[in-house]
Amino acid sequence: MEEKEARRLVESYGDLIYRIGVNYLKNASDAEDICQTVFLKYIASDVHFENQQHEKAWIIRTTINACKDVLKSSAFKNTTTLEELGDIKATESHETGITEEVMKLPHNYRICIFLYYYEGYSIKEIASILQKTELSVRTLLSRARKKLQLTLREDMQ
């Protein structure tokens, strides 16, 4: 792969991969590792894309699968966060409001919200990327919205 092509990939998809990684793993350093993993898979693959949308969908699907692999790994399951240690406190997150509440949602809800609202994909496109039915995606989005609505109402009271 030429340097020009590698730069294009990082500029085009680096932020997207990182955001999906943080969305799934809730950890910046793990998300950075996911970026490296996805780019290495891209370089090692012999996939030819029909167009840029096809390439982007492949990147998203590969990122989601890489995140799921990390979540299933024993190393990830056996780690302890600083908050769980008790007397040592981690730095506070700068995320506030709706984004913070979205991050608290289960994985399926979060990724649907992310792809729909942040990336602008249609329900049909999300269904294709996540390999789910359109009805399933609509249901996930609806349930995610209801959960967010309830949580935000509680916070306002």
N, C-alpha and C. Protein backbone atom coordinates (compact mmCIF):
# COMPACT_ATOMS: atom_id res chain seq x y z
N MET A 1 0.85 -1.17 0.00
CA MET A 1 0.00 0.00 0.00
C MET A 1 0.90 1.24 0.00
N GLU A 2 0.55 2.19 -0.82
CA GLU A 2 1.33 3.42 -0.91
C GLU A 2 1.01 4.34 0.26
N GLU A 3 1.95 5.21 0.55
CA GLU A 3 1.77 6.15 1.66
C GLU A 3 0.56 7.05 1.44
N LYS A 4 0.33 7.46 0.21
CA LYS A 4 -0.81 8.32 -0.11
C LYS A 4 -2.14 7.64 0.23
N GLU A 5 -2.25 6.36 -0.11
CA GLU A 5 -3.45 5.59 0.17
C GLU A 5 -3.63 5.39 1.68
N ALA A 6 -2.54 5.14 2.37
CA ALA A 6 -2.60 4.97 3.83
C ALA A 6 -3.06 6.26 4.50
N ARG A 7 -2.55 7.39 4.05
CA ARG A 7 -2.98 8.69 4.61
C ARG A 7 -4.47 8.92 4.35
N ARG A 8 -4.93 8.58 3.16
CA ARG A 8 -6.35 8.74 2.83
C ARG A 8 -7.22 7.92 3.78
N LEU A 9 -6.80 6.69 4.03
CA LEU A 9 -7.56 5.82 4.93
C LEU A 9 -7.64 6.41 6.33
N VAL A 10 -6.50 6.83 6.85
CA VAL A 10 -6.48 7.38 8.21
C VAL A 10 -7.29 8.66 8.29
N GLU A 11 -7.16 9.53 7.31
CA GLU A 11 -7.92 10.78 7.32
C GLU A 11 -9.41 10.54 7.14
N SER A 12 -9.76 9.59 6.30
CA SER A 12 -11.18 9.33 6.02
C SER A 12 -11.88 8.57 7.14
N TYR A 13 -11.18 7.59 7.73
CA TYR A 13 -11.86 6.67 8.63
C TYR A 13 -11.31 6.60 10.05
N GLY A 14 -10.20 7.26 10.30
CA GLY A 14 -9.59 7.18 11.62
C GLY A 14 -10.53 7.63 12.73
N ASP A 15 -11.16 8.77 12.53
CA ASP A 15 -12.06 9.31 13.55
C ASP A 15 -13.29 8.42 13.73
N LEU A 16 -13.83 7.92 12.63
CA LEU A 16 -15.00 7.04 12.67
C LEU A 16 -14.69 5.76 13.46
N ILE A 17 -13.57 5.14 13.15
CA ILE A 17 -13.17 3.91 13.84
C ILE A 17 -12.97 4.18 15.32
N TYR A 18 -12.32 5.27 15.63
CA TYR A 18 -12.06 5.62 17.03
C TYR A 18 -13.37 5.84 17.79
N ARG A 19 -14.31 6.58 17.19
CA ARG A 19 -15.59 6.84 17.86
C ARG A 19 -16.37 5.56 18.10
N ILE A 20 -16.38 4.66 17.12
CA ILE A 20 -17.07 3.38 17.31
C ILE A 20 -16.39 2.59 18.42
N GLY A 21 -15.05 2.61 18.43
CA GLY A 21 -14.30 1.91 19.48
C GLY A 21 -14.61 2.43 20.86
N VAL A 22 -14.64 3.75 21.02
CA VAL A 22 -14.97 4.34 22.32
C VAL A 22 -16.42 4.02 22.67
N ASN A 23 -17.28 4.06 21.68
CA ASN A 23 -18.69 3.76 21.89
C ASN A 23 -18.88 2.34 22.43
N TYR A 24 -18.18 1.40 21.87
CA TYR A 24 -18.29 0.00 22.30
C TYR A 24 -17.52 -0.29 23.58
N LEU A 25 -16.29 0.16 23.64
CA LEU A 25 -15.38 -0.27 24.71
C LEU A 25 -15.29 0.70 25.87
N LYS A 26 -15.78 1.92 25.67
CA LYS A 26 -15.78 2.96 26.71
C LYS A 26 -14.38 3.22 27.25
N ASN A 27 -13.39 3.14 26.38
CA ASN A 27 -12.01 3.30 26.80
C ASN A 27 -11.20 3.82 25.63
N ALA A 28 -10.54 4.96 25.82
CA ALA A 28 -9.81 5.60 24.72
C ALA A 28 -8.63 4.76 24.24
N SER A 29 -7.89 4.16 25.15
CA SER A 29 -6.72 3.39 24.72
C SER A 29 -7.12 2.12 23.98
N ASP A 30 -8.20 1.48 24.40
CA ASP A 30 -8.69 0.31 23.67
C ASP A 30 -9.20 0.72 22.29
N ALA A 31 -9.82 1.89 22.21
CA ALA A 31 -10.31 2.39 20.92
C ALA A 31 -9.15 2.66 19.98
N GLU A 32 -8.04 3.17 20.50
CA GLU A 32 -6.85 3.39 19.67
C GLU A 32 -6.30 2.05 19.15
N ASP A 33 -6.33 1.04 20.00
CA ASP A 33 -5.90 -0.30 19.57
C ASP A 33 -6.80 -0.83 18.46
N ILE A 34 -8.09 -0.56 18.58
CA ILE A 34 -9.04 -0.99 17.56
C ILE A 34 -8.71 -0.32 16.23
N CYS A 35 -8.35 0.95 16.27
CA CYS A 35 -7.98 1.66 15.03
C CYS A 35 -6.83 0.94 14.34
N GLN A 36 -5.83 0.60 15.10
CA GLN A 36 -4.68 -0.11 14.52
C GLN A 36 -5.10 -1.47 13.95
N THR A 37 -5.92 -2.17 14.69
CA THR A 37 -6.38 -3.49 14.26
C THR A 37 -7.13 -3.40 12.93
N VAL A 38 -8.04 -2.44 12.84
CA VAL A 38 -8.86 -2.31 11.63
C VAL A 38 -7.99 -1.92 10.44
N PHE A 39 -7.07 -0.99 10.64
CA PHE A 39 -6.20 -0.60 9.53
C PHE A 39 -5.30 -1.76 9.09
N LEU A 40 -4.82 -2.54 10.04
CA LEU A 40 -4.02 -3.71 9.68
C LEU A 40 -4.85 -4.74 8.90
N LYS A 41 -6.11 -4.94 9.32
CA LYS A 41 -6.98 -5.86 8.59
C LYS A 41 -7.24 -5.35 7.18
N TYR A 42 -7.40 -4.05 7.06
CA TYR A 42 -7.63 -3.46 5.74
C TYR A 42 -6.42 -3.70 4.83
N ILE A 43 -5.24 -3.43 5.36
CA ILE A 43 -4.02 -3.59 4.59
C ILE A 43 -3.81 -5.06 4.21
N ALA A 44 -4.09 -5.96 5.13
CA ALA A 44 -3.87 -7.39 4.90
C ALA A 44 -4.93 -8.02 4.00
N SER A 45 -6.11 -7.36 3.93
CA SER A 45 -7.19 -7.95 3.14
C SER A 45 -6.96 -7.72 1.66
N ASP A 46 -7.63 -8.52 0.89
CA ASP A 46 -7.54 -8.40 -0.56
C ASP A 46 -8.90 -8.00 -1.12
N VAL A 47 -9.63 -7.20 -0.33
CA VAL A 47 -10.99 -6.82 -0.68
C VAL A 47 -10.96 -5.67 -1.69
N HIS A 48 -11.81 -5.77 -2.68
CA HIS A 48 -11.97 -4.70 -3.66
C HIS A 48 -13.37 -4.13 -3.48
N PHE A 49 -13.45 -2.83 -3.35
CA PHE A 49 -14.72 -2.18 -3.04
C PHE A 49 -15.36 -1.60 -4.29
N GLU A 50 -16.69 -1.69 -4.34
CA GLU A 50 -17.45 -1.16 -5.48
C GLU A 50 -17.39 0.36 -5.50
N ASN A 51 -17.49 0.96 -4.30
CA ASN A 51 -17.48 2.41 -4.19
C ASN A 51 -17.08 2.79 -2.77
N GLN A 52 -17.07 4.08 -2.48
CA GLN A 52 -16.63 4.54 -1.17
C GLN A 52 -17.62 4.14 -0.06
N GLN A 53 -18.91 4.08 -0.39
CA GLN A 53 -19.89 3.65 0.61
C GLN A 53 -19.66 2.19 1.00
N HIS A 54 -19.35 1.36 0.05
CA HIS A 54 -19.06 -0.04 0.32
C HIS A 54 -17.83 -0.16 1.20
N GLU A 55 -16.82 0.65 0.92
CA GLU A 55 -15.60 0.66 1.72
C GLU A 55 -15.90 1.10 3.16
N LYS A 56 -16.71 2.15 3.30
CA LYS A 56 -17.06 2.66 4.63
C LYS A 56 -17.85 1.62 5.43
N ALA A 57 -18.78 0.95 4.76
CA ALA A 57 -19.57 -0.10 5.43
C ALA A 57 -18.66 -1.23 5.89
N TRP A 58 -17.67 -1.60 5.06
CA TRP A 58 -16.71 -2.64 5.45
C TRP A 58 -15.92 -2.20 6.67
N ILE A 59 -15.49 -0.95 6.68
CA ILE A 59 -14.73 -0.41 7.82
C ILE A 59 -15.57 -0.47 9.09
N ILE A 60 -16.82 -0.06 9.01
CA ILE A 60 -17.71 -0.06 10.19
C ILE A 60 -17.93 -1.48 10.68
N ARG A 61 -18.24 -2.40 9.77
CA ARG A 61 -18.49 -3.80 10.17
C ARG A 61 -17.24 -4.42 10.79
N THR A 62 -16.08 -4.16 10.20
CA THR A 62 -14.83 -4.69 10.73
C THR A 62 -14.53 -4.11 12.10
N THR A 63 -14.81 -2.82 12.28
CA THR A 63 -14.59 -2.18 13.57
C THR A 63 -15.49 -2.78 14.64
N ILE A 64 -16.74 -2.97 14.32
CA ILE A 64 -17.69 -3.56 15.28
C ILE A 64 -17.24 -4.97 15.65
N ASN A 65 -16.85 -5.75 14.67
CA ASN A 65 -16.39 -7.12 14.94
C ASN A 65 -15.14 -7.12 15.80
N ALA A 66 -14.21 -6.20 15.53
CA ALA A 66 -12.99 -6.11 16.33
C ALA A 66 -13.32 -5.74 17.77
N CYS A 67 -14.27 -4.84 17.95
CA CYS A 67 -14.69 -4.46 19.31
C CYS A 67 -15.31 -5.64 20.03
N LYS A 68 -16.13 -6.39 19.33
CA LYS A 68 -16.75 -7.57 19.94
C LYS A 68 -15.70 -8.60 20.33
N ASP A 69 -14.67 -8.75 19.50
CA ASP A 69 -13.58 -9.66 19.83
C ASP A 69 -12.88 -9.24 21.12
N VAL A 70 -12.65 -7.94 21.27
CA VAL A 70 -12.01 -7.43 22.49
C VAL A 70 -12.90 -7.69 23.69
N LEU A 71 -14.19 -7.42 23.55
CA LEU A 71 -15.12 -7.62 24.66
C LEU A 71 -15.19 -9.09 25.09
N LYS A 72 -15.01 -10.00 24.14
CA LYS A 72 -15.04 -11.44 24.45
C LYS A 72 -13.73 -11.95 25.03
N SER A 73 -12.66 -11.21 24.85
CA SER A 73 -11.34 -11.70 25.26
C SER A 73 -11.23 -11.78 26.78
N SER A 74 -10.49 -12.74 27.25
CA SER A 74 -10.33 -12.92 28.70
C SER A 74 -9.52 -11.78 29.30
N ALA A 75 -8.60 -11.22 28.56
CA ALA A 75 -7.81 -10.09 29.07
C ALA A 75 -8.72 -8.91 29.39
N PHE A 76 -9.71 -8.67 28.54
CA PHE A 76 -10.63 -7.56 28.76
C PHE A 76 -11.56 -7.85 29.94
N LYS A 77 -12.01 -9.09 30.03
CA LYS A 77 -12.93 -9.47 31.11
C LYS A 77 -12.25 -9.43 32.47
N ASN A 78 -10.96 -9.65 32.51
CA ASN A 78 -10.24 -9.73 33.78
C ASN A 78 -9.56 -8.42 34.18
N THR A 79 -9.92 -7.32 33.53
CA THR A 79 -9.33 -6.04 33.91
C THR A 79 -10.24 -5.33 34.90
N THR A 80 -9.65 -4.46 35.68
CA THR A 80 -10.37 -3.68 36.66
C THR A 80 -10.16 -2.21 36.36
N THR A 81 -11.25 -1.45 36.37
CA THR A 81 -11.13 -0.02 36.14
C THR A 81 -10.67 0.67 37.41
N LEU A 82 -10.16 1.85 37.27
CA LEU A 82 -9.72 2.61 38.45
C LEU A 82 -10.87 2.90 39.40
N GLU A 83 -12.06 3.14 38.84
CA GLU A 83 -13.22 3.41 39.69
C GLU A 83 -13.55 2.23 40.60
N GLU A 84 -13.32 1.02 40.10
CA GLU A 84 -13.62 -0.18 40.87
C GLU A 84 -12.62 -0.41 41.99
N LEU A 85 -11.47 0.20 41.93
CA LEU A 85 -10.47 0.02 42.97
C LEU A 85 -10.84 0.74 44.26
N GLY A 86 -11.68 1.74 44.17
CA GLY A 86 -12.16 2.39 45.38
C GLY A 86 -11.38 3.62 45.78
N ASP A 87 -10.19 3.48 46.35
CA ASP A 87 -9.49 4.63 46.88
C ASP A 87 -8.70 5.40 45.81
N ILE A 88 -8.54 4.84 44.64
CA ILE A 88 -7.89 5.57 43.56
C ILE A 88 -8.98 5.99 42.58
N LYS A 89 -9.04 7.28 42.29
CA LYS A 89 -10.09 7.77 41.41
C LYS A 89 -9.53 8.12 40.05
N ALA A 90 -10.28 7.74 39.03
CA ALA A 90 -9.90 8.10 37.66
C ALA A 90 -10.34 9.52 37.39
N THR A 91 -9.76 10.13 36.40
CA THR A 91 -10.15 11.49 36.04
C THR A 91 -11.58 11.48 35.54
N GLU A 92 -12.27 12.54 35.78
CA GLU A 92 -13.66 12.66 35.37
C GLU A 92 -13.76 12.77 33.86
N SER A 93 -14.80 12.20 33.31
CA SER A 93 -15.04 12.29 31.88
C SER A 93 -15.57 13.68 31.54
N HIS A 94 -15.22 14.17 30.37
CA HIS A 94 -15.68 15.48 29.93
C HIS A 94 -17.00 15.40 29.18
N GLU A 95 -17.50 14.19 28.98
CA GLU A 95 -18.74 14.04 28.25
C GLU A 95 -19.91 14.43 29.16
N THR A 96 -20.83 15.17 28.60
CA THR A 96 -21.98 15.60 29.38
C THR A 96 -23.24 15.42 28.57
N GLY A 97 -24.36 15.52 29.25
CA GLY A 97 -25.65 15.54 28.60
C GLY A 97 -26.01 14.27 27.87
N ILE A 98 -26.52 14.48 26.67
CA ILE A 98 -27.06 13.38 25.88
C ILE A 98 -25.98 12.36 25.51
N THR A 99 -24.81 12.84 25.13
CA THR A 99 -23.74 11.91 24.76
C THR A 99 -23.42 10.97 25.91
N GLU A 100 -23.37 11.50 27.11
CA GLU A 100 -23.09 10.68 28.28
C GLU A 100 -24.17 9.63 28.48
N GLU A 101 -25.41 10.03 28.27
CA GLU A 101 -26.53 9.09 28.42
C GLU A 101 -26.52 8.03 27.31
N VAL A 102 -26.15 8.43 26.10
CA VAL A 102 -26.05 7.46 25.01
C VAL A 102 -25.00 6.41 25.34
N MET A 103 -23.90 6.85 25.94
CA MET A 103 -22.82 5.92 26.28
C MET A 103 -23.24 4.91 27.35
N LYS A 104 -24.27 5.20 28.10
CA LYS A 104 -24.76 4.29 29.13
C LYS A 104 -25.70 3.22 28.57
N LEU A 105 -26.15 3.40 27.33
CA LEU A 105 -27.07 2.45 26.71
C LEU A 105 -26.35 1.13 26.41
N PRO A 106 -27.10 0.02 26.29
CA PRO A 106 -26.51 -1.25 25.86
C PRO A 106 -25.91 -1.11 24.45
N HIS A 107 -24.98 -2.01 24.11
CA HIS A 107 -24.24 -1.94 22.84
C HIS A 107 -25.13 -1.78 21.62
N ASN A 108 -26.14 -2.64 21.48
CA ASN A 108 -27.00 -2.60 20.29
C ASN A 108 -27.70 -1.26 20.14
N TYR A 109 -28.16 -0.70 21.24
CA TYR A 109 -28.82 0.61 21.20
C TYR A 109 -27.82 1.69 20.82
N ARG A 110 -26.64 1.66 21.46
CA ARG A 110 -25.63 2.69 21.21
C ARG A 110 -25.19 2.74 19.77
N ILE A 111 -24.91 1.57 19.20
CA ILE A 111 -24.40 1.56 17.83
C ILE A 111 -25.47 2.00 16.85
N CYS A 112 -26.72 1.66 17.09
CA CYS A 112 -27.81 2.12 16.21
C CYS A 112 -27.97 3.64 16.30
N ILE A 113 -27.96 4.16 17.51
CA ILE A 113 -28.05 5.61 17.70
C ILE A 113 -26.88 6.30 17.01
N PHE A 114 -25.69 5.76 17.21
CA PHE A 114 -24.48 6.36 16.62
C PHE A 114 -24.57 6.39 15.10
N LEU A 115 -24.90 5.25 14.50
CA LEU A 115 -24.95 5.19 13.04
C LEU A 115 -26.08 6.05 12.48
N TYR A 116 -27.21 6.12 13.15
CA TYR A 116 -28.35 6.87 12.65
C TYR A 116 -28.18 8.37 12.82
N TYR A 117 -27.86 8.81 14.03
CA TYR A 117 -27.81 10.24 14.31
C TYR A 117 -26.44 10.88 14.05
N TYR A 118 -25.38 10.18 14.37
CA TYR A 118 -24.06 10.78 14.23
C TYR A 118 -23.47 10.58 12.84
N GLU A 119 -23.73 9.43 12.22
CA GLU A 119 -23.17 9.15 10.91
C GLU A 119 -24.16 9.36 9.77
N GLY A 120 -25.46 9.48 10.11
CA GLY A 120 -26.47 9.80 9.11
C GLY A 120 -26.90 8.65 8.21
N TYR A 121 -26.71 7.42 8.66
CA TYR A 121 -27.14 6.27 7.88
C TYR A 121 -28.64 6.10 7.99
N SER A 122 -29.25 5.56 6.94
CA SER A 122 -30.67 5.24 6.98
C SER A 122 -30.86 3.91 7.71
N ILE A 123 -32.09 3.63 8.05
CA ILE A 123 -32.41 2.37 8.73
C ILE A 123 -32.03 1.18 7.86
N LYS A 124 -32.29 1.30 6.57
CA LYS A 124 -31.94 0.22 5.64
C LYS A 124 -30.43 -0.01 5.62
N GLU A 125 -29.65 1.07 5.58
CA GLU A 125 -28.20 0.94 5.56
C GLU A 125 -27.67 0.35 6.87
N ILE A 126 -28.25 0.79 8.00
CA ILE A 126 -27.83 0.26 9.30
C ILE A 126 -28.13 -1.24 9.37
N ALA A 127 -29.29 -1.63 8.89
CA ALA A 127 -29.66 -3.05 8.88
C ALA A 127 -28.64 -3.86 8.09
N SER A 128 -28.22 -3.33 6.98
CA SER A 128 -27.23 -4.02 6.15
C SER A 128 -25.87 -4.11 6.87
N ILE A 129 -25.45 -3.02 7.48
CA ILE A 129 -24.16 -2.99 8.17
C ILE A 129 -24.15 -3.94 9.37
N LEU A 130 -25.22 -3.91 10.15
CA LEU A 130 -25.28 -4.72 11.36
C LEU A 130 -25.79 -6.14 11.11
N GLN A 131 -26.16 -6.41 9.88
CA GLN A 131 -26.69 -7.71 9.48
C GLN A 131 -27.92 -8.07 10.31
N LYS A 132 -28.83 -7.10 10.39
CA LYS A 132 -30.10 -7.27 11.08
C LYS A 132 -31.22 -6.88 10.11
N THR A 133 -32.45 -7.17 10.49
CA THR A 133 -33.58 -6.74 9.65
C THR A 133 -33.86 -5.27 9.92
N GLU A 134 -34.55 -4.64 8.98
CA GLU A 134 -34.93 -3.24 9.16
C GLU A 134 -35.85 -3.09 10.37
N LEU A 135 -36.74 -4.03 10.54
CA LEU A 135 -37.65 -4.00 11.68
C LEU A 135 -36.87 -4.05 13.00
N SER A 136 -35.85 -4.88 13.04
CA SER A 136 -35.02 -4.99 14.23
C SER A 136 -34.32 -3.67 14.53
N VAL A 137 -33.80 -3.02 13.50
CA VAL A 137 -33.12 -1.73 13.69
C VAL A 137 -34.11 -0.67 14.17
N ARG A 138 -35.30 -0.65 13.57
CA ARG A 138 -36.33 0.30 14.00
C ARG A 138 -36.68 0.09 15.48
N THR A 139 -36.81 -1.17 15.86
CA THR A 139 -37.13 -1.49 17.25
C THR A 139 -36.01 -1.04 18.19
N LEU A 140 -34.77 -1.31 17.81
CA LEU A 140 -33.63 -0.89 18.65
C LEU A 140 -33.59 0.62 18.79
N LEU A 141 -33.80 1.34 17.69
CA LEU A 141 -33.81 2.80 17.75
C LEU A 141 -34.95 3.32 18.63
N SER A 142 -36.11 2.73 18.47
CA SER A 142 -37.26 3.15 19.27
C SER A 142 -37.02 2.93 20.76
N ARG A 143 -36.52 1.77 21.10
CA ARG A 143 -36.25 1.46 22.51
C ARG A 143 -35.14 2.36 23.07
N ALA A 144 -34.14 2.63 22.26
CA ALA A 144 -33.05 3.51 22.70
C ALA A 144 -33.58 4.91 22.96
N ARG A 145 -34.42 5.41 22.06
CA ARG A 145 -35.00 6.75 22.24
C ARG A 145 -35.83 6.81 23.52
N LYS A 146 -36.63 5.77 23.77
CA LYS A 146 -37.46 5.74 24.97
C LYS A 146 -36.61 5.75 26.23
N LYS A 147 -35.55 4.94 26.23
CA LYS A 147 -34.65 4.90 27.38
C LYS A 147 -34.00 6.27 27.61
N LEU A 148 -33.55 6.88 26.53
CA LEU A 148 -32.93 8.20 26.64
C LEU A 148 -33.94 9.23 27.15
N GLN A 149 -35.13 9.17 26.63
CA GLN A 149 -36.18 10.10 27.03
C GLN A 149 -36.47 9.98 28.53
N LEU A 150 -36.61 8.75 29.02
CA LEU A 150 -36.88 8.52 30.43
C LEU A 150 -35.71 9.02 31.31
N THR A 151 -34.50 8.70 30.89
CA THR A 151 -33.33 9.10 31.66
C THR A 151 -33.19 10.61 31.71
N LEU A 152 -33.39 11.25 30.58
CA LEU A 152 -33.24 12.71 30.53
C LEU A 152 -34.34 13.41 31.32
N ARG A 153 -35.55 12.85 31.31
CA ARG A 153 -36.64 13.42 32.13
C ARG A 153 -36.31 13.30 33.62
N GLU A 154 -35.78 12.14 34.02
CA GLU A 154 -35.41 11.94 35.43
C GLU A 154 -34.33 12.93 35.85
N ASP A 155 -33.37 13.18 34.97
CA ASP A 155 -32.29 14.10 35.28
C ASP A 155 -32.78 15.54 35.42
N MET A 156 -33.84 15.87 34.70
CA MET A 156 -34.38 17.24 34.75
C MET A 156 -35.18 17.47 36.03
N GLN A 157 -35.67 16.41 36.64
CA GLN A 157 -36.51 16.58 37.85
C GLN A 157 -35.69 16.67 39.09
